[in-house]
Amino acid sequence: MRGCGHSSHVPVSFEWSVDHLLDDIIRVADAADVERFHFVGESFGGTLGIALAAREPERMLSLTLANAAPRGGLVKNLSGWRGLMSQSPKVWSDQMMEWRFAPDELDAPRREWFQGVQERSDSDVTLAIADLLARTDLSETLAEIRMPTLLLAPGESPFIPAEVMRNMHLQIPGSQFRMFEGVRHGLPFSRGPECGAILASFLADQTTPRQ
């Protein structure tokens, strides 16, 4: 995502919007010369996937959402991020690790790697994305999604209550739903192989010719 990982620096004056981030996704697809693609989005990336399905349905073969919400107002524990980050990125990251993973869910190398990457997050970008999510509402677009859709839901996310994704499943026609009981918000990382196997099966169903 813009401003994260090895992407270019984002100035503080940048005006964040969902459309800017959707433009980025389309630019990546165009640069790769990919006309249609399967979209997989986690957390706010999943929210962007819902927006992309509404704006660019002709570009998408399928949509997969992991621990995501259609409306920022449904996401818990966002309002305290600014206070945590004002103490230090490490204080924010320590709290995020508790929200993402149960104490014994990761081995030491994976936990240390994840926390190290998280602590290096740009605080201005992190807070800007949280603010953008908080004011985003795509609830009215769910019933219009017609592409194959898979929802991967953590049962114990401190951000996305389980009923949020269950309700999305009920609103998106023909969607598939998998619940991971006892798992917190770090679902795709803590249960990577299991999520990957479910995703691979889902994608195979979309690409296998019907008899």
Protein backbone atom coordinates (compact mmCIF):
# COMPACT_ATOMS: atom_id res chain seq x y z
CA MET A 1 0.00 0.00 0.00
CA ARG A 2 1.07 3.58 -0.65
CA GLY A 3 3.38 4.75 2.16
CA CYS A 4 4.03 1.22 3.46
CA GLY A 5 6.85 -1.25 2.97
CA HIS A 6 9.21 -0.23 0.16
CA SER A 7 6.79 2.17 -1.55
CA SER A 8 7.78 5.80 -1.98
CA HIS A 9 7.51 8.34 0.82
CA VAL A 10 4.13 10.05 1.23
CA PRO A 11 4.27 13.74 2.24
CA VAL A 12 2.23 14.82 5.25
CA SER A 13 0.27 17.15 2.93
CA PHE A 14 -1.03 14.22 0.83
CA GLU A 15 -4.84 14.12 0.72
CA TRP A 16 -5.73 10.50 1.41
CA SER A 17 -8.82 9.07 -0.29
CA VAL A 18 -10.20 5.66 -1.18
CA ASP A 19 -10.13 6.63 -4.86
CA HIS A 20 -6.40 7.43 -4.69
CA LEU A 21 -5.71 3.97 -3.27
CA LEU A 22 -7.96 2.28 -5.84
CA ASP A 23 -6.09 4.15 -8.58
CA ASP A 24 -2.87 2.68 -7.17
CA ILE A 25 -4.27 -0.85 -7.42
CA ILE A 26 -5.32 -0.34 -11.02
CA ARG A 27 -1.94 1.17 -11.89
CA VAL A 28 -0.19 -1.93 -10.50
CA ALA A 29 -2.45 -4.20 -12.56
CA ASP A 30 -1.87 -2.10 -15.68
CA ALA A 31 1.89 -2.08 -15.12
CA ALA A 32 1.79 -5.88 -14.90
CA ASP A 33 -0.33 -5.97 -18.07
CA VAL A 34 -3.12 -7.76 -16.21
CA GLU A 35 -6.58 -6.90 -17.47
CA ARG A 36 -8.59 -8.99 -14.97
CA PHE A 37 -7.41 -10.30 -11.61
CA HIS A 38 -8.40 -12.00 -8.36
CA PHE A 39 -8.27 -9.48 -5.52
CA VAL A 40 -7.33 -10.53 -1.96
CA GLY A 41 -7.51 -7.85 0.74
CA GLU A 42 -6.85 -7.99 4.49
CA SER A 43 -8.24 -5.51 7.05
CA PHE A 44 -8.38 -2.07 5.34
CA GLY A 45 -7.14 -3.82 2.20
CA GLY A 46 -10.40 -5.77 2.31
CA THR A 47 -12.39 -2.54 2.63
CA LEU A 48 -10.57 -1.30 -0.48
CA GLY A 49 -11.53 -4.55 -2.20
CA ILE A 50 -15.20 -3.81 -1.57
CA ALA A 51 -14.72 -0.32 -3.02
CA LEU A 52 -12.88 -1.74 -6.03
CA ALA A 53 -15.68 -4.24 -6.65
CA ALA A 54 -18.12 -1.34 -6.77
CA ARG A 55 -15.96 0.91 -8.97
CA GLU A 56 -14.13 -1.54 -11.25
CA PRO A 57 -16.18 -4.78 -11.34
CA GLU A 58 -15.12 -5.51 -14.92
CA ARG A 59 -11.47 -5.79 -13.81
CA MET A 60 -12.07 -8.36 -11.04
CA LEU A 61 -12.43 -12.11 -11.36
CA SER A 62 -13.11 -12.65 -7.67
CA LEU A 63 -12.93 -10.93 -4.29
CA THR A 64 -11.47 -12.35 -1.06
CA LEU A 65 -11.83 -10.44 2.22
CA ALA A 66 -9.97 -11.33 5.41
CA ASN A 67 -10.90 -9.65 8.72
CA ALA A 68 -12.43 -6.66 6.93
CA ALA A 69 -15.40 -4.36 7.40
CA PRO A 70 -17.49 -2.34 4.93
CA ARG A 71 -17.78 0.65 7.24
CA GLY A 72 -15.18 2.24 9.49
CA GLY A 73 -17.75 2.82 12.20
CA LEU A 74 -17.96 -0.94 12.69
CA VAL A 75 -14.24 -1.22 13.48
CA LYS A 76 -13.38 -1.22 17.18
CA ASN A 77 -10.31 0.24 18.91
CA LEU A 78 -9.32 2.71 16.17
CA SER A 79 -9.84 5.88 18.18
CA GLY A 80 -6.98 5.13 20.59
CA TRP A 81 -4.29 4.77 17.91
CA ARG A 82 -3.26 8.41 17.96
CA GLY A 83 -2.67 8.36 21.72
CA LEU A 84 -0.63 5.16 21.50
CA MET A 85 1.42 6.44 18.58
CA SER A 86 2.08 9.75 20.36
CA GLN A 87 3.93 7.78 23.05
CA SER A 88 6.05 5.95 20.47
CA PRO A 89 5.63 3.58 17.51
CA LYS A 90 6.80 0.77 19.80
CA VAL A 91 4.02 1.43 22.32
CA TRP A 92 1.51 1.35 19.47
CA SER A 93 3.07 -1.80 18.02
CA ASP A 94 3.13 -3.60 21.39
CA GLN A 95 -0.61 -3.01 21.74
CA MET A 96 -1.21 -4.05 18.14
CA MET A 97 0.62 -7.32 18.72
CA GLU A 98 -1.75 -8.10 21.60
CA TRP A 99 -4.73 -7.27 19.40
CA ARG A 100 -3.41 -9.31 16.49
CA PHE A 101 -2.15 -12.48 18.15
CA ALA A 102 -2.82 -14.63 21.21
CA PRO A 103 0.27 -14.94 23.48
CA ASP A 104 1.41 -18.36 22.24
CA GLU A 105 0.10 -18.13 18.68
CA LEU A 106 3.43 -17.37 16.97
CA ASP A 107 6.89 -18.79 17.43
CA ALA A 108 9.59 -16.31 18.46
CA PRO A 109 11.14 -15.69 14.99
CA ARG A 110 7.79 -14.94 13.36
CA ARG A 111 6.67 -12.73 16.24
CA GLU A 112 9.94 -10.77 16.22
CA TRP A 113 9.83 -10.32 12.44
CA PHE A 114 6.23 -9.11 12.45
CA GLN A 115 6.75 -6.70 15.33
CA GLY A 116 9.94 -5.34 13.75
CA VAL A 117 8.16 -4.55 10.48
CA GLN A 118 5.21 -3.06 12.33
CA GLU A 119 7.39 -0.79 14.51
CA ARG A 120 8.96 0.69 11.38
CA SER A 121 5.57 1.85 10.09
CA ASP A 122 5.42 5.56 9.26
CA SER A 123 3.30 7.04 12.05
CA ASP A 124 1.77 9.77 9.84
CA VAL A 125 0.78 7.21 7.20
CA THR A 126 -0.58 4.78 9.80
CA LEU A 127 -2.79 7.44 11.40
CA ALA A 128 -3.91 8.81 8.03
CA ILE A 129 -5.02 5.34 6.92
CA ALA A 130 -6.86 4.80 10.22
CA ASP A 131 -8.62 8.16 9.79
CA LEU A 132 -9.56 7.28 6.20
CA LEU A 133 -10.97 3.93 7.28
CA ALA A 134 -12.98 5.60 10.07
CA ARG A 135 -14.81 7.85 7.58
CA THR A 136 -15.37 5.18 4.90
CA ASP A 137 -18.81 3.62 4.45
CA LEU A 138 -19.42 1.07 1.69
CA SER A 139 -22.37 -0.69 3.32
CA GLU A 140 -24.74 0.12 0.47
CA THR A 141 -22.50 -1.51 -2.14
CA LEU A 142 -22.45 -5.04 -0.67
CA ALA A 143 -25.70 -6.25 -2.24
CA GLU A 144 -24.42 -5.14 -5.67
CA ILE A 145 -21.33 -7.38 -5.61
CA ARG A 146 -21.82 -10.11 -8.22
CA MET A 147 -18.35 -11.65 -8.52
CA PRO A 148 -17.37 -14.82 -6.58
CA THR A 149 -16.54 -13.71 -3.04
CA LEU A 150 -14.79 -15.46 -0.14
CA LEU A 151 -14.83 -14.13 3.42
CA LEU A 152 -12.25 -15.28 6.01
CA ALA A 153 -13.37 -14.19 9.47
CA PRO A 154 -11.44 -14.26 12.77
CA GLY A 155 -13.65 -15.15 15.70
CA GLU A 156 -11.89 -12.95 18.26
CA SER A 157 -10.63 -9.86 16.42
CA PRO A 158 -10.57 -6.78 18.70
CA PHE A 159 -11.21 -4.72 15.55
CA ILE A 160 -13.78 -6.64 13.51
CA PRO A 161 -16.54 -8.25 15.58
CA ALA A 162 -17.44 -11.68 14.20
CA GLU A 163 -20.98 -10.58 13.37
CA VAL A 164 -19.66 -7.88 11.01
CA MET A 165 -18.26 -10.39 8.55
CA ARG A 166 -21.15 -12.78 9.10
CA ASN A 167 -23.53 -9.97 8.13
CA MET A 168 -21.43 -9.21 5.05
CA HIS A 169 -21.76 -12.85 4.04
CA LEU A 170 -25.54 -12.53 4.26
CA GLN A 171 -25.52 -9.36 2.16
CA ILE A 172 -23.13 -10.42 -0.64
CA PRO A 173 -25.02 -12.76 -2.97
CA GLY A 174 -23.50 -16.23 -3.24
CA SER A 175 -20.52 -15.45 -1.02
CA GLN A 176 -18.56 -18.16 0.81
CA PHE A 177 -17.75 -17.77 4.51
CA ARG A 178 -15.18 -19.36 6.81
CA MET A 179 -14.92 -18.57 10.52
CA PHE A 180 -11.71 -19.15 12.51
CA GLU A 181 -12.75 -19.49 16.14
CA GLY A 182 -10.41 -18.07 18.78
CA VAL A 183 -8.24 -16.21 16.27
CA ARG A 184 -7.49 -12.51 16.63
CA HIS A 185 -6.95 -9.86 13.94
CA GLY A 186 -3.68 -11.32 12.62
CA LEU A 187 -5.57 -14.17 10.96
CA PRO A 188 -3.77 -14.29 7.57
CA PHE A 189 -0.36 -14.39 9.29
CA SER A 190 -1.11 -16.64 12.25
CA ARG A 191 -3.10 -19.12 10.11
CA GLY A 192 -1.32 -18.55 6.82
CA PRO A 193 -1.16 -22.15 5.53
CA GLU A 194 -4.80 -22.80 6.40
CA CYS A 195 -5.99 -19.53 4.85
CA GLY A 196 -3.83 -20.22 1.81
CA ALA A 197 -5.31 -23.68 1.29
CA ILE A 198 -8.87 -22.32 1.52
CA LEU A 199 -8.02 -19.52 -0.89
CA ALA A 200 -6.35 -21.91 -3.35
CA SER A 201 -9.45 -24.14 -3.36
CA PHE A 202 -11.71 -21.11 -3.85
CA LEU A 203 -9.62 -19.83 -6.77
CA ALA A 204 -9.45 -23.27 -8.34
CA ASP A 205 -13.24 -23.33 -8.37
CA GLN A 206 -13.23 -20.06 -10.34
CA THR A 207 -10.70 -21.23 -12.93
CA THR A 208 -11.74 -24.87 -13.47
CA PRO A 209 -13.93 -25.26 -16.58
CA ARG A 210 -17.46 -26.36 -15.76
CA GLN A 211 -18.73 -29.61 -17.29
